[in-house]
PDB file of all heavy atoms in Angstrom:
ATOM      1  N   MET A   1       1.042 -12.013  -0.676  1.00  0.00           N
ATOM      2  CA  MET A   1       0.715 -10.774  -0.023  1.00  0.00           C
ATOM      3  C   MET A   1       2.001  -9.982   0.220  1.00  0.00           C
ATOM      4  O   MET A   1       3.044 -10.567   0.501  1.00  0.00           O
ATOM      5  CB  MET A   1      -0.008 -11.049   1.291  1.00  0.00           C
ATOM      6  CG  MET A   1      -1.391 -11.665   1.076  1.00  0.00           C
ATOM      7  SD  MET A   1      -2.425 -11.716   2.540  1.00  0.00           S
ATOM      8  CE  MET A   1      -1.494 -12.739   3.609  1.00  0.00           C
ATOM      9  N   VAL A   2       1.886  -8.674   0.083  1.00  0.00           N
ATOM     10  CA  VAL A   2       3.052  -7.800   0.207  1.00  0.00           C
ATOM     11  C   VAL A   2       2.694  -6.555   1.020  1.00  0.00           C
ATOM     12  O   VAL A   2       1.535  -6.174   1.116  1.00  0.00           O
ATOM     13  CB  VAL A   2       3.583  -7.361  -1.179  1.00  0.00           C
ATOM     14  CG1 VAL A   2       4.066  -8.535  -1.984  1.00  0.00           C
ATOM     15  CG2 VAL A   2       2.526  -6.589  -1.946  1.00  0.00           C
ATOM     16  N   GLY A   3       3.724  -5.927   1.569  1.00  0.00           N
ATOM     17  CA  GLY A   3       3.560  -4.632   2.217  1.00  0.00           C
ATOM     18  C   GLY A   3       3.519  -3.529   1.171  1.00  0.00           C
ATOM     19  O   GLY A   3       3.804  -3.759  -0.010  1.00  0.00           O
ATOM     20  N   LEU A   4       3.180  -2.334   1.582  1.00  0.00           N
ATOM     21  CA  LEU A   4       3.071  -1.222   0.624  1.00  0.00           C
ATOM     22  C   LEU A   4       4.392  -0.920  -0.075  1.00  0.00           C
ATOM     23  O   LEU A   4       4.418  -0.640  -1.268  1.00  0.00           O
ATOM     24  CB  LEU A   4       2.563   0.039   1.325  1.00  0.00           C
ATOM     25  CG  LEU A   4       1.084   0.051   1.700  1.00  0.00           C
ATOM     26  CD1 LEU A   4       0.719   1.393   2.321  1.00  0.00           C
ATOM     27  CD2 LEU A   4       0.203  -0.224   0.502  1.00  0.00           C
ATOM     28  N   ARG A   5       5.500  -0.973   0.650  1.00  0.00           N
ATOM     29  CA  ARG A   5       6.797  -0.666   0.038  1.00  0.00           C
ATOM     30  C   ARG A   5       7.109  -1.653  -1.083  1.00  0.00           C
ATOM     31  O   ARG A   5       7.487  -1.265  -2.193  1.00  0.00           O
ATOM     32  CB  ARG A   5       7.905  -0.674   1.083  1.00  0.00           C
ATOM     33  CG  ARG A   5       9.274  -0.304   0.511  1.00  0.00           C
ATOM     34  CD  ARG A   5      10.356  -0.318   1.570  1.00  0.00           C
ATOM     35  NE  ARG A   5      10.057   0.555   2.700  1.00  0.00           N
ATOM     36  CZ  ARG A   5      10.316   1.864   2.733  1.00  0.00           C
ATOM     37  NH1 ARG A   5      10.888   2.440   1.713  1.00  0.00           N
ATOM     38  NH2 ARG A   5      10.015   2.586   3.795  1.00  0.00           N
ATOM     39  N   LYS A   6       6.962  -2.948  -0.836  1.00  0.00           N
ATOM     40  CA  LYS A   6       7.225  -3.967  -1.871  1.00  0.00           C
ATOM     41  C   LYS A   6       6.247  -3.833  -3.028  1.00  0.00           C
ATOM     42  O   LYS A   6       6.615  -3.994  -4.183  1.00  0.00           O
ATOM     43  CB  LYS A   6       7.127  -5.375  -1.277  1.00  0.00           C
ATOM     44  CG  LYS A   6       8.260  -5.728  -0.385  1.00  0.00           C
ATOM     45  CD  LYS A   6       9.464  -6.104  -1.195  1.00  0.00           C
ATOM     46  CE  LYS A   6      10.543  -6.629  -0.262  1.00  0.00           C
ATOM     47  NZ  LYS A   6      11.798  -6.803  -0.892  1.00  0.00           N
ATOM     48  N   ALA A   7       4.989  -3.548  -2.716  1.00  0.00           N
ATOM     49  CA  ALA A   7       3.985  -3.384  -3.769  1.00  0.00           C
ATOM     50  C   ALA A   7       4.361  -2.223  -4.682  1.00  0.00           C
ATOM     51  O   ALA A   7       4.279  -2.330  -5.912  1.00  0.00           O
ATOM     52  CB  ALA A   7       2.610  -3.148  -3.156  1.00  0.00           C
ATOM     53  N   GLN A   8       4.798  -1.116  -4.091  1.00  0.00           N
ATOM     54  CA  GLN A   8       5.181   0.046  -4.890  1.00  0.00           C
ATOM     55  C   GLN A   8       6.403  -0.255  -5.736  1.00  0.00           C
ATOM     56  O   GLN A   8       6.439   0.069  -6.920  1.00  0.00           O
ATOM     57  CB  GLN A   8       5.437   1.248  -3.966  1.00  0.00           C
ATOM     58  CG  GLN A   8       5.668   2.548  -4.686  1.00  0.00           C
ATOM     59  CD  GLN A   8       7.096   2.754  -5.153  1.00  0.00           C
ATOM     60  OE1 GLN A   8       8.042   2.331  -4.512  1.00  0.00           O
ATOM     61  NE2 GLN A   8       7.243   3.396  -6.290  1.00  0.00           N
ATOM     62  N   GLN A   9       7.401  -0.906  -5.172  1.00  0.00           N
ATOM     63  CA  GLN A   9       8.640  -1.180  -5.893  1.00  0.00           C
ATOM     64  C   GLN A   9       8.443  -2.185  -7.020  1.00  0.00           C
ATOM     65  O   GLN A   9       9.050  -2.056  -8.077  1.00  0.00           O
ATOM     66  CB  GLN A   9       9.697  -1.709  -4.929  1.00  0.00           C
ATOM     67  CG  GLN A   9      10.192  -0.677  -3.949  1.00  0.00           C
ATOM     68  CD  GLN A   9      11.079  -1.263  -2.865  1.00  0.00           C
ATOM     69  OE1 GLN A   9      11.114  -2.472  -2.659  1.00  0.00           O
ATOM     70  NE2 GLN A   9      11.781  -0.402  -2.153  1.00  0.00           N
ATOM     71  N   ALA A  10       7.611  -3.175  -6.824  1.00  0.00           N
ATOM     72  CA  ALA A  10       7.498  -4.257  -7.788  1.00  0.00           C
ATOM     73  C   ALA A  10       6.283  -4.170  -8.701  1.00  0.00           C
ATOM     74  O   ALA A  10       6.335  -4.641  -9.837  1.00  0.00           O
ATOM     75  CB  ALA A  10       7.462  -5.598  -7.047  1.00  0.00           C
ATOM     76  N   HIS A  11       5.190  -3.562  -8.228  1.00  0.00           N
ATOM     77  CA  HIS A  11       3.946  -3.653  -8.992  1.00  0.00           C
ATOM     78  C   HIS A  11       3.296  -2.316  -9.311  1.00  0.00           C
ATOM     79  O   HIS A  11       2.566  -2.215 -10.291  1.00  0.00           O
ATOM     80  CB  HIS A  11       2.934  -4.517  -8.221  1.00  0.00           C
ATOM     81  CG  HIS A  11       3.456  -5.870  -7.863  1.00  0.00           C
ATOM     82  ND1 HIS A  11       3.601  -6.876  -8.787  1.00  0.00           N
ATOM     83  CD2 HIS A  11       3.896  -6.368  -6.686  1.00  0.00           C
ATOM     84  CE1 HIS A  11       4.088  -7.949  -8.188  1.00  0.00           C
ATOM     85  NE2 HIS A  11       4.283  -7.664  -6.914  1.00  0.00           N
ATOM     86  N   LEU A  12       3.517  -1.313  -8.500  1.00  0.00           N
ATOM     87  CA  LEU A  12       2.845  -0.021  -8.686  1.00  0.00           C
ATOM     88  C   LEU A  12       3.876   1.091  -8.829  1.00  0.00           C
ATOM     89  O   LEU A  12       3.834   2.104  -8.131  1.00  0.00           O
ATOM     90  CB  LEU A  12       1.919   0.259  -7.488  1.00  0.00           C
ATOM     91  CG  LEU A  12       0.840  -0.780  -7.238  1.00  0.00           C
ATOM     92  CD1 LEU A  12       0.146  -0.517  -5.910  1.00  0.00           C
ATOM     93  CD2 LEU A  12      -0.162  -0.813  -8.366  1.00  0.00           C
ATOM     94  N   THR A  13       4.789   0.908  -9.741  1.00  0.00           N
ATOM     95  CA  THR A  13       5.908   1.844  -9.888  1.00  0.00           C
ATOM     96  C   THR A  13       5.481   3.241 -10.332  1.00  0.00           C
ATOM     97  O   THR A  13       6.246   4.180 -10.190  1.00  0.00           O
ATOM     98  CB  THR A  13       6.951   1.290 -10.867  1.00  0.00           C
ATOM     99  OG1 THR A  13       6.315   1.010 -12.112  1.00  0.00           O
ATOM    100  CG2 THR A  13       7.581   0.017 -10.315  1.00  0.00           C
ATOM    101  N   ASN A  14       4.271   3.370 -10.861  1.00  0.00           N
ATOM    102  CA  ASN A  14       3.803   4.691 -11.296  1.00  0.00           C
ATOM    103  C   ASN A  14       3.300   5.530 -10.117  1.00  0.00           C
ATOM    104  O   ASN A  14       3.014   6.706 -10.276  1.00  0.00           O
ATOM    105  CB  ASN A  14       2.709   4.562 -12.349  1.00  0.00           C
ATOM    106  CG  ASN A  14       1.512   3.786 -11.840  1.00  0.00           C
ATOM    107  OD1 ASN A  14       1.653   2.858 -11.037  1.00  0.00           O
ATOM    108  ND2 ASN A  14       0.337   4.137 -12.303  1.00  0.00           N
ATOM    109  N   LEU A  15       3.194   4.935  -8.922  1.00  0.00           N
ATOM    110  CA  LEU A  15       2.784   5.650  -7.718  1.00  0.00           C
ATOM    111  C   LEU A  15       3.947   5.726  -6.741  1.00  0.00           C
ATOM    112  O   LEU A  15       4.791   4.842  -6.717  1.00  0.00           O
ATOM    113  CB  LEU A  15       1.620   4.911  -7.036  1.00  0.00           C
ATOM    114  CG  LEU A  15       0.319   4.823  -7.819  1.00  0.00           C
ATOM    115  CD1 LEU A  15      -0.638   3.878  -7.132  1.00  0.00           C
ATOM    116  CD2 LEU A  15      -0.302   6.201  -7.943  1.00  0.00           C
ATOM    117  N   THR A  16       3.955   6.757  -5.943  1.00  0.00           N
ATOM    118  CA  THR A  16       4.998   6.855  -4.916  1.00  0.00           C
ATOM    119  C   THR A  16       4.518   6.145  -3.648  1.00  0.00           C
ATOM    120  O   THR A  16       3.312   5.943  -3.447  1.00  0.00           O
ATOM    121  CB  THR A  16       5.310   8.321  -4.575  1.00  0.00           C
ATOM    122  OG1 THR A  16       4.151   8.919  -3.995  1.00  0.00           O
ATOM    123  CG2 THR A  16       5.759   9.093  -5.812  1.00  0.00           C
ATOM    124  N   LEU A  17       5.454   5.794  -2.811  1.00  0.00           N
ATOM    125  CA  LEU A  17       5.113   5.177  -1.536  1.00  0.00           C
ATOM    126  C   LEU A  17       4.279   6.146  -0.696  1.00  0.00           C
ATOM    127  O   LEU A  17       3.315   5.756  -0.037  1.00  0.00           O
ATOM    128  CB  LEU A  17       6.376   4.757  -0.787  1.00  0.00           C
ATOM    129  CG  LEU A  17       6.176   4.054   0.541  1.00  0.00           C
ATOM    130  CD1 LEU A  17       5.332   2.801   0.385  1.00  0.00           C
ATOM    131  CD2 LEU A  17       7.524   3.713   1.155  1.00  0.00           C
ATOM    132  N   ALA A  18       4.625   7.413  -0.750  1.00  0.00           N
ATOM    133  CA  ALA A  18       3.869   8.433  -0.001  1.00  0.00           C
ATOM    134  C   ALA A  18       2.417   8.497  -0.495  1.00  0.00           C
ATOM    135  O   ALA A  18       1.484   8.641   0.309  1.00  0.00           O
ATOM    136  CB  ALA A  18       4.533   9.792  -0.130  1.00  0.00           C
ATOM    137  N   ALA A  19       2.207   8.390  -1.794  1.00  0.00           N
ATOM    138  CA  ALA A  19       0.846   8.416  -2.348  1.00  0.00           C
ATOM    139  C   ALA A  19       0.046   7.203  -1.880  1.00  0.00           C
ATOM    140  O   ALA A  19      -1.147   7.321  -1.570  1.00  0.00           O
ATOM    141  CB  ALA A  19       0.900   8.464  -3.868  1.00  0.00           C
ATOM    142  N   LEU A  20       0.697   6.045  -1.826  1.00  0.00           N
ATOM    143  CA  LEU A  20       0.010   4.852  -1.336  1.00  0.00           C
ATOM    144  C   LEU A  20      -0.358   4.996   0.134  1.00  0.00           C
ATOM    145  O   LEU A  20      -1.471   4.642   0.545  1.00  0.00           O
ATOM    146  CB  LEU A  20       0.880   3.608  -1.540  1.00  0.00           C
ATOM    147  CG  LEU A  20       0.994   3.102  -2.968  1.00  0.00           C
ATOM    148  CD1 LEU A  20       2.033   1.992  -3.051  1.00  0.00           C
ATOM    149  CD2 LEU A  20      -0.348   2.604  -3.466  1.00  0.00           C
ATOM    150  N   ARG A  21       0.552   5.518   0.923  1.00  0.00           N
ATOM    151  CA  ARG A  21       0.270   5.705   2.347  1.00  0.00           C
ATOM    152  C   ARG A  21      -0.843   6.724   2.552  1.00  0.00           C
ATOM    153  O   ARG A  21      -1.699   6.566   3.420  1.00  0.00           O
ATOM    154  CB  ARG A  21       1.535   6.134   3.075  1.00  0.00           C
ATOM    155  CG  ARG A  21       2.525   5.005   3.204  1.00  0.00           C
ATOM    156  CD  ARG A  21       3.789   5.451   3.880  1.00  0.00           C
ATOM    157  NE  ARG A  21       4.677   4.308   4.109  1.00  0.00           N
ATOM    158  CZ  ARG A  21       5.967   4.413   4.311  1.00  0.00           C
ATOM    159  NH1 ARG A  21       6.554   5.603   4.343  1.00  0.00           N
ATOM    160  NH2 ARG A  21       6.696   3.339   4.506  1.00  0.00           N
ATOM    161  N   ARG A  22      -0.832   7.790   1.766  1.00  0.00           N
ATOM    162  CA  ARG A  22      -1.878   8.808   1.856  1.00  0.00           C
ATOM    163  C   ARG A  22      -3.231   8.204   1.478  1.00  0.00           C
ATOM    164  O   ARG A  22      -4.250   8.442   2.142  1.00  0.00           O
ATOM    165  CB  ARG A  22      -1.541   9.993   0.952  1.00  0.00           C
ATOM    166  CG  ARG A  22      -2.340  11.229   1.235  1.00  0.00           C
ATOM    167  CD  ARG A  22      -1.866  12.449   0.435  1.00  0.00           C
ATOM    168  NE  ARG A  22      -0.424  12.602   0.406  1.00  0.00           N
ATOM    169  CZ  ARG A  22       0.337  12.468  -0.695  1.00  0.00           C
ATOM    170  NH1 ARG A  22      -0.206  12.206  -1.865  1.00  0.00           N
ATOM    171  NH2 ARG A  22       1.633  12.620  -0.641  1.00  0.00           N
ATOM    172  N   ALA A  23      -3.246   7.410   0.426  1.00  0.00           N
ATOM    173  CA  ALA A  23      -4.487   6.776  -0.017  1.00  0.00           C
ATOM    174  C   ALA A  23      -4.993   5.796   1.040  1.00  0.00           C
ATOM    175  O   ALA A  23      -6.197   5.726   1.303  1.00  0.00           O
ATOM    176  CB  ALA A  23      -4.266   6.067  -1.347  1.00  0.00           C
ATOM    177  N   ARG A  24      -4.079   5.047   1.639  1.00  0.00           N
ATOM    178  CA  ARG A  24      -4.479   4.095   2.683  1.00  0.00           C
ATOM    179  C   ARG A  24      -5.193   4.831   3.816  1.00  0.00           C
ATOM    180  O   ARG A  24      -6.188   4.348   4.358  1.00  0.00           O
ATOM    181  CB  ARG A  24      -3.259   3.365   3.225  1.00  0.00           C
ATOM    182  CG  ARG A  24      -3.603   2.403   4.355  1.00  0.00           C
ATOM    183  CD  ARG A  24      -2.400   1.721   4.902  1.00  0.00           C
ATOM    184  NE  ARG A  24      -1.455   2.711   5.451  1.00  0.00           N
ATOM    185  CZ  ARG A  24      -0.212   2.438   5.778  1.00  0.00           C
ATOM    186  NH1 ARG A  24       0.279   1.230   5.616  1.00  0.00           N
ATOM    187  NH2 ARG A  24       0.569   3.371   6.268  1.00  0.00           N
ATOM    188  N   ALA A  25      -4.726   6.024   4.152  1.00  0.00           N
ATOM    189  CA  ALA A  25      -5.307   6.788   5.251  1.00  0.00           C
ATOM    190  C   ALA A  25      -6.586   7.525   4.864  1.00  0.00           C
ATOM    191  O   ALA A  25      -7.478   7.691   5.700  1.00  0.00           O
ATOM    192  CB  ALA A  25      -4.282   7.790   5.772  1.00  0.00           C
ATOM    193  N   ASN A  26      -6.701   7.952   3.604  1.00  0.00           N
ATOM    194  CA  ASN A  26      -7.782   8.865   3.227  1.00  0.00           C
ATOM    195  C   ASN A  26      -8.798   8.318   2.235  1.00  0.00           C
ATOM    196  O   ASN A  26      -9.880   8.879   2.111  1.00  0.00           O
ATOM    197  CB  ASN A  26      -7.191  10.155   2.639  1.00  0.00           C
ATOM    198  CG  ASN A  26      -6.333  10.878   3.639  1.00  0.00           C
ATOM    199  OD1 ASN A  26      -6.624  10.900   4.826  1.00  0.00           O
ATOM    200  ND2 ASN A  26      -5.246  11.461   3.169  1.00  0.00           N
ATOM    201  N   ASP A  27      -8.474   7.281   1.495  1.00  0.00           N
ATOM    202  CA  ASP A  27      -9.351   6.783   0.429  1.00  0.00           C
ATOM    203  C   ASP A  27     -10.215   5.637   0.956  1.00  0.00           C
ATOM    204  O   ASP A  27      -9.691   4.567   1.288  1.00  0.00           O
ATOM    205  CB  ASP A  27      -8.506   6.304  -0.750  1.00  0.00           C
ATOM    206  CG  ASP A  27      -9.337   5.935  -1.960  1.00  0.00           C
ATOM    207  OD1 ASP A  27     -10.571   5.802  -1.831  1.00  0.00           O
ATOM    208  OD2 ASP A  27      -8.752   5.771  -3.041  1.00  0.00           O
ATOM    209  N   PRO A  28     -11.531   5.828   1.009  1.00  0.00           N
ATOM    210  CA  PRO A  28     -12.391   4.758   1.516  1.00  0.00           C
ATOM    211  C   PRO A  28     -12.412   3.526   0.608  1.00  0.00           C
ATOM    212  O   PRO A  28     -12.789   2.443   1.051  1.00  0.00           O
ATOM    213  CB  PRO A  28     -13.774   5.411   1.594  1.00  0.00           C
ATOM    214  CG  PRO A  28     -13.709   6.587   0.700  1.00  0.00           C
ATOM    215  CD  PRO A  28     -12.273   7.025   0.652  1.00  0.00           C
ATOM    216  N   ASP A  29     -11.992   3.679  -0.646  1.00  0.00           N
ATOM    217  CA  ASP A  29     -11.975   2.553  -1.581  1.00  0.00           C
ATOM    218  C   ASP A  29     -10.659   1.774  -1.541  1.00  0.00           C
ATOM    219  O   ASP A  29     -10.527   0.761  -2.225  1.00  0.00           O
ATOM    220  CB  ASP A  29     -12.218   3.046  -3.011  1.00  0.00           C
ATOM    221  CG  ASP A  29     -13.617   3.621  -3.170  1.00  0.00           C
ATOM    222  OD1 ASP A  29     -14.534   3.128  -2.485  1.00  0.00           O
ATOM    223  OD2 ASP A  29     -13.779   4.565  -3.953  1.00  0.00           O
ATOM    224  N   PHE A  30      -9.688   2.233  -0.762  1.00  0.00           N
ATOM    225  CA  PHE A  30      -8.411   1.531  -0.668  1.00  0.00           C
ATOM    226  C   PHE A  30      -8.653   0.160  -0.060  1.00  0.00           C
ATOM    227  O   PHE A  30      -9.425   0.017   0.891  1.00  0.00           O
ATOM    228  CB  PHE A  30      -7.425   2.329   0.194  1.00  0.00           C
ATOM    229  CG  PHE A  30      -6.004   1.881   0.047  1.00  0.00           C
ATOM    230  CD1 PHE A  30      -5.235   2.309  -1.022  1.00  0.00           C
ATOM    231  CD2 PHE A  30      -5.432   1.009   0.962  1.00  0.00           C
ATOM    232  CE1 PHE A  30      -3.922   1.899  -1.173  1.00  0.00           C
ATOM    233  CE2 PHE A  30      -4.126   0.586   0.827  1.00  0.00           C
ATOM    234  CZ  PHE A  30      -3.368   1.037  -0.243  1.00  0.00           C
ATOM    235  N   PRO A  31      -8.026  -0.882  -0.612  1.00  0.00           N
ATOM    236  CA  PRO A  31      -8.290  -2.235  -0.113  1.00  0.00           C
ATOM    237  C   PRO A  31      -7.900  -2.420   1.357  1.00  0.00           C
ATOM    238  O   PRO A  31      -6.939  -1.825   1.833  1.00  0.00           O
ATOM    239  CB  PRO A  31      -7.427  -3.135  -0.997  1.00  0.00           C
ATOM    240  CG  PRO A  31      -6.687  -2.262  -1.913  1.00  0.00           C
ATOM    241  CD  PRO A  31      -7.071  -0.849  -1.693  1.00  0.00           C
ATOM    242  N   ALA A  32      -8.655  -3.251   2.021  1.00  0.00           N
ATOM    243  CA  ALA A  32      -8.363  -3.583   3.412  1.00  0.00           C
ATOM    244  C   ALA A  32      -7.167  -4.522   3.462  1.00  0.00           C
ATOM    245  O   ALA A  32      -6.947  -5.307   2.530  1.00  0.00           O
ATOM    246  CB  ALA A  32      -9.575  -4.248   4.046  1.00  0.00           C
ATOM    247  N   PRO A  33      -6.389  -4.452   4.521  1.00  0.00           N
ATOM    248  CA  PRO A  33      -5.256  -5.379   4.637  1.00  0.00           C
ATOM    249  C   PRO A  33      -5.752  -6.821   4.728  1.00  0.00           C
ATOM    250  O   PRO A  33      -6.805  -7.092   5.290  1.00  0.00           O
ATOM    251  CB  PRO A  33      -4.555  -4.950   5.916  1.00  0.00           C
ATOM    252  CG  PRO A  33      -5.431  -3.968   6.586  1.00  0.00           C
ATOM    253  CD  PRO A  33      -6.478  -3.534   5.639  1.00  0.00           C
ATOM    254  N   ALA A  34      -4.977  -7.733   4.156  1.00  0.00           N
ATOM    255  CA  ALA A  34      -5.339  -9.148   4.163  1.00  0.00           C
ATOM    256  C   ALA A  34      -4.600  -9.907   5.252  1.00  0.00           C
ATOM    257  O   ALA A  34      -4.874 -11.080   5.476  1.00  0.00           O
ATOM    258  CB  ALA A  34      -5.041  -9.747   2.793  1.00  0.00           C
ATOM    259  N   GLY A  35      -3.649  -9.254   5.907  1.00  0.00           N
ATOM    260  CA  GLY A  35      -2.887  -9.906   6.956  1.00  0.00           C
ATOM    261  C   GLY A  35      -1.862  -8.964   7.545  1.00  0.00           C
ATOM    262  O   GLY A  35      -1.814  -7.783   7.205  1.00  0.00           O
ATOM    263  N   LYS A  36      -1.038  -9.506   8.435  1.00  0.00           N
ATOM    264  CA  LYS A  36       0.024  -8.723   9.079  1.00  0.00           C
ATOM    265  C   LYS A  36       1.269  -9.574   9.198  1.00  0.00           C
ATOM    266  O   LYS A  36       1.190 -10.781   9.354  1.00  0.00           O
ATOM    267  CB  LYS A  36      -0.402  -8.309  10.493  1.00  0.00           C
ATOM    268  CG  LYS A  36      -1.319  -7.126  10.555  1.00  0.00           C
ATOM    269  CD  LYS A  36      -1.610  -6.767  11.989  1.00  0.00           C
ATOM    270  CE  LYS A  36      -0.627  -5.705  12.425  1.00  0.00           C
ATOM    271  NZ  LYS A  36      -0.949  -5.118  13.722  1.00  0.00           N
ATOM    272  N   ARG A  37       2.410  -8.918   9.104  1.00  0.00           N
ATOM    273  CA  ARG A  37       3.704  -9.536   9.398  1.00  0.00           C
ATOM    274  C   ARG A  37       4.377  -8.623  10.403  1.00  0.00           C
ATOM    275  O   ARG A  37       4.902  -7.575  10.041  1.00  0.00           O
ATOM    276  CB  ARG A  37       4.545  -9.662   8.134  1.00  0.00           C
ATOM    277  CG  ARG A  37       5.882 -10.358   8.387  1.00  0.00           C
ATOM    278  CD  ARG A  37       6.767 -10.438   7.153  1.00  0.00           C
ATOM    279  NE  ARG A  37       6.061 -10.810   5.942  1.00  0.00           N
ATOM    280  CZ  ARG A  37       6.128 -10.117   4.787  1.00  0.00           C
ATOM    281  NH1 ARG A  37       6.866  -9.024   4.702  1.00  0.00           N
ATOM    282  NH2 ARG A  37       5.481 -10.521   3.727  1.00  0.00           N
ATOM    283  N   GLY A  38       4.315  -8.984  11.669  1.00  0.00           N
ATOM    284  CA  GLY A  38       4.774  -8.080  12.710  1.00  0.00           C
ATOM    285  C   GLY A  38       3.844  -6.888  12.752  1.00  0.00           C
ATOM    286  O   GLY A  38       2.645  -7.043  12.890  1.00  0.00           O
ATOM    287  N   ALA A  39       4.392  -5.698  12.601  1.00  0.00           N
ATOM    288  CA  ALA A  39       3.578  -4.481  12.580  1.00  0.00           C
ATOM    289  C   ALA A  39       3.167  -4.086  11.160  1.00  0.00           C
ATOM    290  O   ALA A  39       2.343  -3.188  10.975  1.00  0.00           O
ATOM    291  CB  ALA A  39       4.341  -3.340  13.225  1.00  0.00           C
TER     292      ALA A  39
END
């Protein structure tokens, strides 16, 4: 499991971190978090 920043850097390089954060907030199909590490 990874945070959005690591996911973008290592696996989703065609998307920006801002796009992932925007999708997390606005896209109902965005996956639910599987856990937490601190905040």
